[in-house]
Each structure stands twice: as structure tokens, then as C-alpha cells.
N, C-alpha and C. Protein backbone atom coordinates (compact mmCIF):
# COMPACT_ATOMS: atom_id res chain seq x y z
N MET A 1 94.47 67.38 85.39
CA MET A 1 93.18 67.04 85.94
C MET A 1 92.75 68.12 86.93
N PRO A 2 91.47 68.39 87.00
CA PRO A 2 90.99 69.36 87.97
C PRO A 2 91.27 68.88 89.39
N GLY A 3 91.70 69.81 90.25
CA GLY A 3 91.96 69.48 91.63
C GLY A 3 93.38 69.01 91.89
N ASP A 4 94.17 68.78 90.82
CA ASP A 4 95.56 68.39 91.02
C ASP A 4 96.36 69.60 91.50
N GLN A 5 97.33 69.33 92.32
CA GLN A 5 98.19 70.39 92.83
C GLN A 5 99.28 70.67 91.83
N LEU A 6 99.56 71.94 91.59
CA LEU A 6 100.62 72.31 90.66
C LEU A 6 101.97 72.11 91.34
N GLU A 7 102.92 71.65 90.58
CA GLU A 7 104.28 71.49 91.11
C GLU A 7 105.06 72.74 90.78
N LEU A 8 105.66 73.33 91.80
CA LEU A 8 106.49 74.50 91.61
C LEU A 8 107.93 74.10 91.83
N PRO A 9 108.82 74.64 91.03
CA PRO A 9 110.23 74.29 91.22
C PRO A 9 110.74 74.83 92.55
N PHE A 10 111.52 74.04 93.24
CA PHE A 10 112.10 74.45 94.50
C PHE A 10 113.41 75.17 94.20
N VAL A 11 113.50 76.41 94.65
CA VAL A 11 114.71 77.18 94.42
C VAL A 11 115.35 77.43 95.78
N ALA A 12 116.49 76.84 95.99
CA ALA A 12 117.21 77.04 97.25
C ALA A 12 118.01 78.32 97.13
N SER A 13 117.81 79.21 98.07
CA SER A 13 118.51 80.48 98.07
C SER A 13 119.88 80.31 98.71
N ALA A 14 120.89 80.89 98.09
CA ALA A 14 122.24 80.82 98.63
C ALA A 14 122.35 81.71 99.88
N GLU A 15 121.53 82.75 99.93
CA GLU A 15 121.57 83.66 101.06
C GLU A 15 120.42 83.33 102.01
N PRO A 16 120.70 83.26 103.30
CA PRO A 16 119.62 83.00 104.26
C PRO A 16 118.68 84.19 104.34
N GLN A 17 117.40 83.91 104.52
CA GLN A 17 116.41 84.96 104.67
C GLN A 17 116.55 85.59 106.05
N LEU A 18 116.68 86.89 106.10
CA LEU A 18 116.78 87.59 107.37
C LEU A 18 115.38 87.90 107.87
N ALA A 19 115.15 87.64 109.12
CA ALA A 19 113.85 87.93 109.72
C ALA A 19 113.73 89.44 109.91
N VAL A 20 112.58 89.98 109.56
CA VAL A 20 112.32 91.40 109.74
C VAL A 20 111.76 91.60 111.14
N GLU A 21 112.34 92.52 111.86
CA GLU A 21 111.89 92.81 113.21
C GLU A 21 110.96 94.03 113.17
N TYR A 22 109.78 93.88 113.75
CA TYR A 22 108.82 94.98 113.82
C TYR A 22 108.75 95.48 115.25
N LEU A 23 108.78 96.80 115.41
CA LEU A 23 108.78 97.43 116.72
C LEU A 23 107.50 98.21 116.95
N THR A 24 107.09 98.29 118.20
CA THR A 24 106.01 99.19 118.56
C THR A 24 106.62 100.60 118.68
N ILE A 25 105.77 101.58 118.88
CA ILE A 25 106.26 102.94 119.05
C ILE A 25 107.14 103.03 120.29
N ALA A 26 106.73 102.39 121.38
CA ALA A 26 107.51 102.42 122.61
C ALA A 26 108.87 101.75 122.42
N GLU A 27 108.90 100.62 121.73
CA GLU A 27 110.16 99.92 121.48
C GLU A 27 111.09 100.74 120.60
N ALA A 28 110.52 101.38 119.58
CA ALA A 28 111.32 102.23 118.69
C ALA A 28 111.91 103.41 119.46
N ALA A 29 111.11 104.01 120.34
CA ALA A 29 111.59 105.14 121.13
C ALA A 29 112.72 104.72 122.07
N ARG A 30 112.58 103.56 122.68
CA ARG A 30 113.65 103.07 123.56
C ARG A 30 114.92 102.79 122.76
N ARG A 31 114.75 102.24 121.57
CA ARG A 31 115.92 101.87 120.76
C ARG A 31 116.75 103.09 120.40
N VAL A 32 116.09 104.20 120.06
CA VAL A 32 116.84 105.40 119.66
C VAL A 32 116.90 106.44 120.77
N ARG A 33 116.41 106.05 121.94
CA ARG A 33 116.47 106.90 123.14
C ARG A 33 115.84 108.27 122.93
N CYS A 34 114.59 108.22 122.54
CA CYS A 34 113.83 109.46 122.40
C CYS A 34 112.43 109.24 122.96
N CYS A 35 111.64 110.27 122.96
CA CYS A 35 110.28 110.22 123.48
C CYS A 35 109.36 109.53 122.46
N GLU A 36 108.35 108.83 122.96
CA GLU A 36 107.37 108.20 122.06
C GLU A 36 106.69 109.24 121.18
N ARG A 37 106.49 110.43 121.70
CA ARG A 37 105.85 111.50 120.93
C ARG A 37 106.70 111.86 119.71
N THR A 38 108.00 111.80 119.84
CA THR A 38 108.89 112.09 118.71
C THR A 38 108.68 111.06 117.60
N ILE A 39 108.54 109.81 117.98
CA ILE A 39 108.29 108.75 117.00
C ILE A 39 106.94 108.98 116.33
N ARG A 40 105.91 109.30 117.12
CA ARG A 40 104.58 109.56 116.55
C ARG A 40 104.60 110.73 115.58
N ARG A 41 105.31 111.79 115.94
CA ARG A 41 105.41 112.96 115.05
C ARG A 41 106.10 112.60 113.74
N ALA A 42 107.15 111.79 113.83
CA ALA A 42 107.86 111.38 112.61
C ALA A 42 106.95 110.53 111.72
N ILE A 43 106.14 109.67 112.33
CA ILE A 43 105.19 108.85 111.56
C ILE A 43 104.13 109.75 110.93
N ASP A 44 103.56 110.66 111.72
CA ASP A 44 102.50 111.54 111.22
C ASP A 44 102.99 112.44 110.09
N SER A 45 104.25 112.87 110.16
CA SER A 45 104.78 113.75 109.11
C SER A 45 105.23 112.98 107.88
N GLY A 46 105.27 111.65 107.97
CA GLY A 46 105.67 110.83 106.84
C GLY A 46 107.17 110.61 106.72
N VAL A 47 107.93 111.07 107.70
CA VAL A 47 109.38 110.91 107.68
C VAL A 47 109.78 109.49 108.07
N LEU A 48 109.00 108.88 108.96
CA LEU A 48 109.28 107.52 109.42
C LEU A 48 108.15 106.61 108.94
N ARG A 49 108.52 105.56 108.21
CA ARG A 49 107.52 104.62 107.70
C ARG A 49 107.01 103.73 108.81
N ALA A 50 105.70 103.51 108.83
CA ALA A 50 105.08 102.63 109.81
C ALA A 50 103.78 102.10 109.24
N GLY A 51 103.39 100.93 109.70
CA GLY A 51 102.12 100.34 109.29
C GLY A 51 101.21 100.20 110.49
N ARG A 52 99.93 100.37 110.27
CA ARG A 52 98.97 100.25 111.37
C ARG A 52 98.44 98.83 111.41
N VAL A 53 98.42 98.27 112.61
CA VAL A 53 97.89 96.94 112.85
C VAL A 53 96.58 97.11 113.59
N ARG A 54 95.51 96.61 113.01
CA ARG A 54 94.19 96.75 113.64
C ARG A 54 93.74 95.41 114.19
N SER A 55 93.01 95.48 115.27
CA SER A 55 92.48 94.24 115.84
C SER A 55 91.13 93.92 115.20
N GLY A 56 90.68 92.73 115.40
CA GLY A 56 89.40 92.31 114.84
C GLY A 56 88.21 92.86 115.59
N ARG A 57 88.45 93.41 116.77
CA ARG A 57 87.35 93.93 117.59
C ARG A 57 87.00 95.37 117.27
N GLY A 58 87.69 95.96 116.31
CA GLY A 58 87.37 97.32 115.92
C GLY A 58 88.12 98.39 116.69
N SER A 59 89.04 98.00 117.57
CA SER A 59 89.82 99.01 118.27
C SER A 59 90.80 99.63 117.29
N ARG A 60 91.36 100.74 117.65
CA ARG A 60 92.18 101.49 116.70
C ARG A 60 93.50 100.82 116.38
N GLY A 61 93.95 99.90 117.20
CA GLY A 61 95.19 99.18 116.91
C GLY A 61 96.41 100.01 117.20
N GLY A 62 97.53 99.61 116.69
CA GLY A 62 98.78 100.32 116.94
C GLY A 62 99.67 100.26 115.72
N PHE A 63 100.76 100.99 115.78
CA PHE A 63 101.70 101.02 114.68
C PHE A 63 102.78 99.99 114.88
N ARG A 64 103.32 99.50 113.77
CA ARG A 64 104.49 98.64 113.78
C ARG A 64 105.49 99.24 112.80
N ILE A 65 106.72 99.29 113.25
CA ILE A 65 107.78 99.95 112.49
C ILE A 65 108.91 98.96 112.28
N ARG A 66 109.39 98.83 111.08
CA ARG A 66 110.54 97.96 110.84
C ARG A 66 111.78 98.56 111.49
N SER A 67 112.57 97.74 112.13
CA SER A 67 113.75 98.23 112.84
C SER A 67 114.71 98.94 111.88
N GLY A 68 114.81 98.45 110.65
CA GLY A 68 115.67 99.11 109.67
C GLY A 68 115.20 100.50 109.32
N ASP A 69 113.87 100.70 109.31
CA ASP A 69 113.33 102.03 109.03
C ASP A 69 113.63 103.00 110.17
N VAL A 70 113.60 102.51 111.40
CA VAL A 70 113.92 103.36 112.56
C VAL A 70 115.38 103.79 112.47
N GLU A 71 116.26 102.85 112.18
CA GLU A 71 117.68 103.18 112.10
C GLU A 71 117.98 104.11 110.93
N ALA A 72 117.32 103.89 109.78
CA ALA A 72 117.51 104.78 108.65
C ALA A 72 117.02 106.18 108.96
N TRP A 73 115.90 106.29 109.66
CA TRP A 73 115.38 107.61 110.06
C TRP A 73 116.32 108.28 111.04
N MET A 74 116.79 107.55 112.01
CA MET A 74 117.63 108.12 113.05
C MET A 74 118.99 108.55 112.52
N TYR A 75 119.58 107.72 111.68
CA TYR A 75 120.95 107.98 111.24
C TYR A 75 121.03 108.55 109.83
N GLY A 76 119.88 108.83 109.22
CA GLY A 76 119.87 109.49 107.92
C GLY A 76 120.28 108.61 106.75
N ASP A 77 120.13 107.29 106.90
CA ASP A 77 120.50 106.38 105.83
C ASP A 77 119.36 106.13 104.86
N GLY A 78 118.17 106.68 105.12
CA GLY A 78 117.00 106.39 104.30
C GLY A 78 116.94 107.26 103.07
N ALA A 79 115.98 106.95 102.23
CA ALA A 79 115.81 107.71 101.00
C ALA A 79 114.99 108.96 101.25
């Protein structure tokens, strides 16, 4: 019938979902004990993955970096 909700099978995962931690540039710099400019340069050169978060007011926003990406960049574990 139109408007009925579809039933989806519930799949219980044996492994718990790990929460992804997102860091600001300042937090990432503190974590690896380097200058914020170093983090920005790594993002600009494409060596460190980051996503830009924009506000609804049109301001430029800021970057968010996954903690795993910072560690992979710092310790050379990344692809």
C-alpha cells in the first residue's frame, strides 16, 4: 500500500562500530606536536586528507581531519 513503511532486516554486527574522531587543525597539530602551519601545508599539498566544514552563514568554515589520517600521515602508515 502507498505510504507503508518498508521493513528492513535487522543485522546485528558482531563487531562494535568504532566512533570516528574528527580533529581541527589546532587539535591535529597538538596531537603530533607540530605547528598548525605544517598541518595546513600538508592539507594544501594533498598529503593529509581533510574535509572542509562550512557554516550556514557563508563564512569560510574550517577543516576537520580524521584522527587516523593524522596518524597515518605522521607515521607513514597511509597509502
